[in-house]
């Protein structure tokens, strides 16, 4: 059985990018947070074919390619 851990007395460094956490708490943000899961689908032949020789961040700049890859990954979850 898992044991709960109490982090209330822990001292953590201030977060440098807590945008997604602030939005999750319902706070306003200057921009929409984006979470990128880079590893998703890397093993899929369909992903490898769509990706070709492109670098990850080059793919991110192509909305049509991002949509195609997202659908491929979601179909295999």
PDB file of N, CA and C in Angstrom:
ATOM      1  N   UNK A   1       0.838  -1.181   0.000  1.00  0.00           N
ATOM      2  CA  UNK A   1       0.000   0.000   0.000  1.00  0.00           C
ATOM      3  C   UNK A   1       0.881   1.241   0.000  1.00  0.00           C
ATOM      4  N   UNK A   2       0.555   2.211  -0.825  1.00  0.00           N
ATOM      5  CA  UNK A   2       1.342   3.440  -0.928  1.00  0.00           C
ATOM      6  C   UNK A   2       1.143   4.310   0.308  1.00  0.00           C
ATOM      7  N   UNK A   3       2.199   4.983   0.692  1.00  0.00           N
ATOM      8  CA  UNK A   3       2.158   5.869   1.843  1.00  0.00           C
ATOM      9  C   UNK A   3       2.167   7.310   1.363  1.00  0.00           C
ATOM     10  N   UNK A   4       1.288   8.128   1.900  1.00  0.00           N
ATOM     11  CA  UNK A   4       1.238   9.540   1.533  1.00  0.00           C
ATOM     12  C   UNK A   4       2.475  10.251   2.069  1.00  0.00           C
ATOM     13  N   UNK A   5       2.982  11.190   1.294  1.00  0.00           N
ATOM     14  CA  UNK A   5       4.143  11.966   1.702  1.00  0.00           C
ATOM     15  C   UNK A   5       3.701  13.395   1.963  1.00  0.00           C
ATOM     16  N   UNK A   6       4.132  13.944   3.081  1.00  0.00           N
ATOM     17  CA  UNK A   6       3.778  15.323   3.449  1.00  0.00           C
ATOM     18  C   UNK A   6       4.900  16.263   3.016  1.00  0.00           C
ATOM     19  N   UNK A   7       4.612  17.105   2.019  1.00  0.00           N
ATOM     20  CA  UNK A   7       5.597  18.050   1.520  1.00  0.00           C
ATOM     21  C   UNK A   7       5.416  19.451   2.103  1.00  0.00           C
ATOM     22  N   UNK A   8       4.540  19.625   3.057  1.00  0.00           N
ATOM     23  CA  UNK A   8       4.236  20.960   3.573  1.00  0.00           C
ATOM     24  C   UNK A   8       5.425  21.619   4.256  1.00  0.00           C
ATOM     25  N   UNK A   9       6.334  20.842   4.799  1.00  0.00           N
ATOM     26  CA  UNK A   9       7.489  21.419   5.475  1.00  0.00           C
ATOM     27  C   UNK A   9       8.735  21.462   4.594  1.00  0.00           C
ATOM     28  N   UNK A  10       8.606  21.077   3.346  1.00  0.00           N
ATOM     29  CA  UNK A  10       9.738  21.066   2.429  1.00  0.00           C
ATOM     30  C   UNK A  10       9.993  22.468   1.879  1.00  0.00           C
ATOM     31  N   UNK A  11      11.235  22.742   1.572  1.00  0.00           N
ATOM     32  CA  UNK A  11      11.600  24.030   0.995  1.00  0.00           C
ATOM     33  C   UNK A  11      12.057  23.796  -0.439  1.00  0.00           C
ATOM     34  N   UNK A  12      11.255  24.253  -1.382  1.00  0.00           N
ATOM     35  CA  UNK A  12      11.583  24.102  -2.791  1.00  0.00           C
ATOM     36  C   UNK A  12      11.950  25.458  -3.384  1.00  0.00           C
ATOM     37  N   UNK A  13      12.812  25.441  -4.376  1.00  0.00           N
ATOM     38  CA  UNK A  13      13.163  26.679  -5.079  1.00  0.00           C
ATOM     39  C   UNK A  13      11.923  27.199  -5.794  1.00  0.00           C
ATOM     40  N   UNK A  14      11.787  28.523  -5.945  1.00  0.00           N
ATOM     41  CA  UNK A  14      10.628  29.066  -6.663  1.00  0.00           C
ATOM     42  C   UNK A  14      10.598  28.551  -8.106  1.00  0.00           C
ATOM     43  N   UNK A  15       9.405  28.264  -8.583  1.00  0.00           N
ATOM     44  CA  UNK A  15       9.267  27.802  -9.963  1.00  0.00           C
ATOM     45  C   UNK A  15       9.554  28.934 -10.927  1.00  0.00           C
ATOM     46  N   UNK A  16      10.229  28.603 -12.021  1.00  0.00           N
ATOM     47  CA  UNK A  16      10.535  29.610 -13.034  1.00  0.00           C
ATOM     48  C   UNK A  16       9.433  29.686 -14.087  1.00  0.00           C
ATOM     49  N   UNK A  17       8.718  28.583 -14.279  1.00  0.00           N
ATOM     50  CA  UNK A  17       7.646  28.564 -15.263  1.00  0.00           C
ATOM     51  C   UNK A  17       6.468  27.785 -14.682  1.00  0.00           C
ATOM     52  N   UNK A  18       5.601  28.488 -13.988  1.00  0.00           N
ATOM     53  CA  UNK A  18       4.452  27.839 -13.364  1.00  0.00           C
ATOM     54  C   UNK A  18       3.146  28.190 -14.070  1.00  0.00           C
ATOM     55  N   UNK A  19       3.240  28.582 -15.326  1.00  0.00           N
ATOM     56  CA  UNK A  19       2.073  29.016 -16.089  1.00  0.00           C
ATOM     57  C   UNK A  19       0.968  27.964 -16.100  1.00  0.00           C
ATOM     58  N   UNK A  20       1.305  26.723 -16.394  1.00  0.00           N
ATOM     59  CA  UNK A  20       0.278  25.679 -16.481  1.00  0.00           C
ATOM     60  C   UNK A  20      -0.352  25.420 -15.107  1.00  0.00           C
ATOM     61  N   UNK A  21       0.436  25.548 -14.044  1.00  0.00           N
ATOM     62  CA  UNK A  21      -0.110  25.360 -12.694  1.00  0.00           C
ATOM     63  C   UNK A  21      -1.059  26.493 -12.321  1.00  0.00           C
ATOM     64  N   UNK A  22      -0.691  27.720 -12.680  1.00  0.00           N
ATOM     65  CA  UNK A  22      -1.558  28.855 -12.375  1.00  0.00           C
ATOM     66  C   UNK A  22      -2.891  28.739 -13.109  1.00  0.00           C
ATOM     67  N   UNK A  23      -2.858  28.358 -14.369  1.00  0.00           N
ATOM     68  CA  UNK A  23      -4.085  28.209 -15.152  1.00  0.00           C
ATOM     69  C   UNK A  23      -4.927  27.061 -14.584  1.00  0.00           C
ATOM     70  N   UNK A  24      -4.279  25.985 -14.157  1.00  0.00           N
ATOM     71  CA  UNK A  24      -5.009  24.849 -13.576  1.00  0.00           C
ATOM     72  C   UNK A  24      -5.731  25.260 -12.287  1.00  0.00           C
ATOM     73  N   UNK A  25      -5.181  26.241 -11.570  1.00  0.00           N
ATOM     74  CA  UNK A  25      -5.837  26.746 -10.350  1.00  0.00           C
ATOM     75  C   UNK A  25      -6.919  27.773 -10.665  1.00  0.00           C
ATOM     76  N   UNK A  26      -7.104  28.075 -11.957  1.00  0.00           N
ATOM     77  CA  UNK A  26      -8.134  29.026 -12.356  1.00  0.00           C
ATOM     78  C   UNK A  26      -7.673  30.462 -12.374  1.00  0.00           C
ATOM     79  N   UNK A  27      -6.358  30.686 -12.250  1.00  0.00           N
ATOM     80  CA  UNK A  27      -5.831  32.044 -12.286  1.00  0.00           C
ATOM     81  C   UNK A  27      -5.685  32.506 -13.734  1.00  0.00           C
ATOM     82  N   UNK A  28      -5.682  33.813 -13.932  1.00  0.00           N
ATOM     83  CA  UNK A  28      -5.509  34.378 -15.271  1.00  0.00           C
ATOM     84  C   UNK A  28      -4.043  34.263 -15.700  1.00  0.00           C
ATOM     85  N   UNK A  29      -3.845  34.170 -17.004  1.00  0.00           N
ATOM     86  CA  UNK A  29      -2.494  34.083 -17.550  1.00  0.00           C
ATOM     87  C   UNK A  29      -2.384  34.977 -18.772  1.00  0.00           C
ATOM     88  N   UNK A  30      -1.161  35.422 -19.058  1.00  0.00           N
ATOM     89  CA  UNK A  30      -0.918  36.286 -20.217  1.00  0.00           C
ATOM     90  C   UNK A  30      -1.020  35.516 -21.529  1.00  0.00           C
ATOM     91  N   UNK A  31      -0.798  34.198 -21.459  1.00  0.00           N
ATOM     92  CA  UNK A  31      -0.881  33.362 -22.669  1.00  0.00           C
ATOM     93  C   UNK A  31      -1.375  31.973 -22.294  1.00  0.00           C
ATOM     94  N   UNK A  32      -1.773  31.227 -23.286  1.00  0.00           N
ATOM     95  CA  UNK A  32      -2.255  29.867 -23.083  1.00  0.00           C
ATOM     96  C   UNK A  32      -1.052  28.949 -22.867  1.00  0.00           C
ATOM     97  N   UNK A  33      -1.069  28.152 -21.800  1.00  0.00           N
ATOM     98  CA  UNK A  33       0.051  27.230 -21.595  1.00  0.00           C
ATOM     99  C   UNK A  33      -0.017  26.068 -22.574  1.00  0.00           C
ATOM    100  N   UNK A  34       1.142  25.580 -22.949  1.00  0.00           N
ATOM    101  CA  UNK A  34       1.217  24.439 -23.861  1.00  0.00           C
ATOM    102  C   UNK A  34       2.118  23.391 -23.232  1.00  0.00           C
ATOM    103  N   UNK A  35       1.643  22.155 -23.236  1.00  0.00           N
ATOM    104  CA  UNK A  35       2.424  21.047 -22.707  1.00  0.00           C
ATOM    105  C   UNK A  35       2.751  20.139 -23.874  1.00  0.00           C
ATOM    106  N   UNK A  36       4.032  19.902 -24.101  1.00  0.00           N
ATOM    107  CA  UNK A  36       4.470  19.067 -25.204  1.00  0.00           C
ATOM    108  C   UNK A  36       5.027  17.763 -24.644  1.00  0.00           C
ATOM    109  N   UNK A  37       4.486  16.668 -25.104  1.00  0.00           N
ATOM    110  CA  UNK A  37       4.978  15.357 -24.707  1.00  0.00           C
ATOM    111  C   UNK A  37       5.801  14.819 -25.863  1.00  0.00           C
ATOM    112  N   UNK A  38       7.096  15.077 -25.830  1.00  0.00           N
ATOM    113  CA  UNK A  38       7.977  14.766 -26.952  1.00  0.00           C
ATOM    114  C   UNK A  38       8.109  13.272 -27.230  1.00  0.00           C
ATOM    115  N   UNK A  39       8.036  12.438 -26.226  1.00  0.00           N
ATOM    116  CA  UNK A  39       8.281  11.007 -26.414  1.00  0.00           C
ATOM    117  C   UNK A  39       7.093  10.250 -27.007  1.00  0.00           C
ATOM    118  N   UNK A  40       5.915  10.807 -26.936  1.00  0.00           N
ATOM    119  CA  UNK A  40       4.719  10.094 -27.384  1.00  0.00           C
ATOM    120  C   UNK A  40       4.816   9.696 -28.849  1.00  0.00           C
ATOM    121  N   UNK A  41       4.698   8.419 -29.105  1.00  0.00           N
ATOM    122  CA  UNK A  41       4.625   7.941 -30.475  1.00  0.00           C
ATOM    123  C   UNK A  41       5.941   7.711 -31.184  1.00  0.00           C
ATOM    124  N   UNK A  42       7.060   7.997 -30.549  1.00  0.00           N
ATOM    125  CA  UNK A  42       8.350   7.873 -31.242  1.00  0.00           C
ATOM    126  C   UNK A  42       8.603   6.477 -31.788  1.00  0.00           C
ATOM    127  N   UNK A  43       7.994   5.475 -31.180  1.00  0.00           N
ATOM    128  CA  UNK A  43       8.215   4.093 -31.589  1.00  0.00           C
ATOM    129  C   UNK A  43       7.297   3.677 -32.737  1.00  0.00           C
ATOM    130  N   UNK A  44       6.278   4.486 -33.045  1.00  0.00           N
ATOM    131  CA  UNK A  44       5.294   4.103 -34.059  1.00  0.00           C
ATOM    132  C   UNK A  44       5.852   4.278 -35.477  1.00  0.00           C
ATOM    133  N   UNK A  45       5.670   3.284 -36.326  1.00  0.00           N
ATOM    134  CA  UNK A  45       6.110   3.413 -37.718  1.00  0.00           C
ATOM    135  C   UNK A  45       5.433   4.595 -38.418  1.00  0.00           C
ATOM    136  N   UNK A  46       4.155   4.843 -38.090  1.00  0.00           N
ATOM    137  CA  UNK A  46       3.426   5.954 -38.703  1.00  0.00           C
ATOM    138  C   UNK A  46       4.063   7.296 -38.336  1.00  0.00           C
ATOM    139  N   UNK A  47       4.481   7.415 -37.086  1.00  0.00           N
ATOM    140  CA  UNK A  47       5.143   8.646 -36.631  1.00  0.00           C
ATOM    141  C   UNK A  47       6.462   8.829 -37.377  1.00  0.00           C
ATOM    142  N   UNK A  48       7.237   7.754 -37.445  1.00  0.00           N
ATOM    143  CA  UNK A  48       8.538   7.833 -38.119  1.00  0.00           C
ATOM    144  C   UNK A  48       8.377   8.238 -39.577  1.00  0.00           C
ATOM    145  N   UNK A  49       7.329   7.712 -40.220  1.00  0.00           N
ATOM    146  CA  UNK A  49       7.088   8.053 -41.621  1.00  0.00           C
ATOM    147  C   UNK A  49       6.699   9.525 -41.774  1.00  0.00           C
ATOM    148  N   UNK A  50       5.786   9.993 -40.923  1.00  0.00           N
ATOM    149  CA  UNK A  50       5.360  11.400 -40.994  1.00  0.00           C
ATOM    150  C   UNK A  50       6.499  12.345 -40.638  1.00  0.00           C
ATOM    151  N   UNK A  51       7.300  11.951 -39.662  1.00  0.00           N
ATOM    152  CA  UNK A  51       8.396  12.815 -39.220  1.00  0.00           C
ATOM    153  C   UNK A  51       9.483  12.939 -40.286  1.00  0.00           C
ATOM    154  N   UNK A  52       9.821  11.825 -40.919  1.00  0.00           N
ATOM    155  CA  UNK A  52      10.899  11.859 -41.905  1.00  0.00           C
ATOM    156  C   UNK A  52      12.201  12.287 -41.248  1.00  0.00           C
ATOM    157  N   UNK A  53      12.895  13.229 -41.850  1.00  0.00           N
ATOM    158  CA  UNK A  53      14.168  13.725 -41.312  1.00  0.00           C
ATOM    159  C   UNK A  53      14.013  15.039 -40.564  1.00  0.00           C
ATOM    160  N   UNK A  54      12.770  15.446 -40.307  1.00  0.00           N
ATOM    161  CA  UNK A  54      12.531  16.738 -39.648  1.00  0.00           C
ATOM    162  C   UNK A  54      12.935  16.704 -38.181  1.00  0.00           C
ATOM    163  N   UNK A  55      13.391  17.835 -37.682  1.00  0.00           N
ATOM    164  CA  UNK A  55      13.684  17.982 -36.260  1.00  0.00           C
ATOM    165  C   UNK A  55      12.377  18.245 -35.515  1.00  0.00           C
ATOM    166  N   UNK A  56      12.362  17.902 -34.226  1.00  0.00           N
ATOM    167  CA  UNK A  56      11.143  18.010 -33.430  1.00  0.00           C
ATOM    168  C   UNK A  56      10.520  19.396 -33.494  1.00  0.00           C
ATOM    169  N   UNK A  57      11.310  20.442 -33.266  1.00  0.00           N
ATOM    170  CA  UNK A  57      10.733  21.785 -33.226  1.00  0.00           C
ATOM    171  C   UNK A  57      10.342  22.302 -34.609  1.00  0.00           C
ATOM    172  N   UNK A  58      10.912  21.739 -35.655  1.00  0.00           N
ATOM    173  CA  UNK A  58      10.452  22.076 -37.003  1.00  0.00           C
ATOM    174  C   UNK A  58       9.055  21.490 -37.238  1.00  0.00           C
ATOM    175  N   UNK A  59       8.817  20.306 -36.709  1.00  0.00           N
ATOM    176  CA  UNK A  59       7.490  19.694 -36.798  1.00  0.00           C
ATOM    177  C   UNK A  59       6.471  20.565 -36.067  1.00  0.00           C
ATOM    178  N   UNK A  60       6.862  21.083 -34.909  1.00  0.00           N
ATOM    179  CA  UNK A  60       5.951  21.904 -34.097  1.00  0.00           C
ATOM    180  C   UNK A  60       5.479  23.159 -34.820  1.00  0.00           C
ATOM    181  N   UNK A  61       6.214  23.598 -35.811  1.00  0.00           N
ATOM    182  CA  UNK A  61       5.873  24.817 -36.548  1.00  0.00           C
ATOM    183  C   UNK A  61       4.946  24.539 -37.731  1.00  0.00           C
ATOM    184  N   UNK A  62       4.602  23.279 -37.961  1.00  0.00           N
ATOM    185  CA  UNK A  62       3.747  22.893 -39.085  1.00  0.00           C
ATOM    186  C   UNK A  62       2.426  22.347 -38.538  1.00  0.00           C
ATOM    187  N   UNK A  63       1.383  23.194 -38.441  1.00  0.00           N
ATOM    188  CA  UNK A  63       0.118  22.770 -37.816  1.00  0.00           C
ATOM    189  C   UNK A  63      -0.494  21.518 -38.441  1.00  0.00           C
ATOM    190  N   UNK A  64      -0.431  21.382 -39.747  1.00  0.00           N
ATOM    191  CA  UNK A  64      -1.018  20.205 -40.395  1.00  0.00           C
ATOM    192  C   UNK A  64      -0.272  18.930 -39.984  1.00  0.00           C
ATOM    193  N   UNK A  65       1.046  19.007 -39.958  1.00  0.00           N
ATOM    194  CA  UNK A  65       1.847  17.855 -39.557  1.00  0.00           C
ATOM    195  C   UNK A  65       1.610  17.519 -38.083  1.00  0.00           C
ATOM    196  N   UNK A  66       1.516  18.529 -37.240  1.00  0.00           N
ATOM    197  CA  UNK A  66       1.232  18.311 -35.817  1.00  0.00           C
ATOM    198  C   UNK A  66      -0.103  17.589 -35.653  1.00  0.00           C
ATOM    199  N   UNK A  67      -1.107  18.004 -36.392  1.00  0.00           N
ATOM    200  CA  UNK A  67      -2.422  17.354 -36.311  1.00  0.00           C
ATOM    201  C   UNK A  67      -2.339  15.899 -36.753  1.00  0.00           C
ATOM    202  N   UNK A  68      -1.654  15.650 -37.854  1.00  0.00           N
ATOM    203  CA  UNK A  68      -1.517  14.282 -38.350  1.00  0.00           C
ATOM    204  C   UNK A  68      -0.819  13.385 -37.331  1.00  0.00           C
ATOM    205  N   UNK A  69       0.262  13.882 -36.745  1.00  0.00           N
ATOM    206  CA  UNK A  69       1.015  13.099 -35.759  1.00  0.00           C
ATOM    207  C   UNK A  69       0.175  12.887 -34.501  1.00  0.00           C
ATOM    208  N   UNK A  70      -0.541  13.910 -34.070  1.00  0.00           N
ATOM    209  CA  UNK A  70      -1.385  13.798 -32.876  1.00  0.00           C
ATOM    210  C   UNK A  70      -2.434  12.715 -33.062  1.00  0.00           C
ATOM    211  N   UNK A  71      -3.059  12.684 -34.225  1.00  0.00           N
ATOM    212  CA  UNK A  71      -4.077  11.666 -34.508  1.00  0.00           C
ATOM    213  C   UNK A  71      -3.447  10.281 -34.491  1.00  0.00           C
ATOM    214  N   UNK A  72      -2.271  10.131 -35.093  1.00  0.00           N
ATOM    215  CA  UNK A  72      -1.607   8.825 -35.106  1.00  0.00           C
ATOM    216  C   UNK A  72      -1.314   8.350 -33.684  1.00  0.00           C
ATOM    217  N   UNK A  73      -0.802   9.237 -32.849  1.00  0.00           N
ATOM    218  CA  UNK A  73      -0.479   8.868 -31.462  1.00  0.00           C
ATOM    219  C   UNK A  73      -1.745   8.525 -30.691  1.00  0.00           C
ATOM    220  N   UNK A  74      -2.789   9.314 -30.858  1.00  0.00           N
ATOM    221  CA  UNK A  74      -4.043   9.076 -30.118  1.00  0.00           C
ATOM    222  C   UNK A  74      -4.700   7.760 -30.528  1.00  0.00           C
ATOM    223  N   UNK A  75      -4.577   7.390 -31.770  1.00  0.00           N
ATOM    224  CA  UNK A  75      -5.161   6.131 -32.258  1.00  0.00           C
ATOM    225  C   UNK A  75      -4.487   4.914 -31.642  1.00  0.00           C
ATOM    226  N   UNK A  76      -3.247   5.073 -31.203  1.00  0.00           N
ATOM    227  CA  UNK A  76      -2.486   3.945 -30.682  1.00  0.00           C
ATOM    228  C   UNK A  76      -2.376   3.947 -29.165  1.00  0.00           C
ATOM    229  N   UNK A  77      -3.126   4.782 -28.500  1.00  0.00           N
ATOM    230  CA  UNK A  77      -3.067   4.849 -27.025  1.00  0.00           C
ATOM    231  C   UNK A  77      -3.924   3.777 -26.417  1.00  0.00           C
TER     232      UNK A  77
END
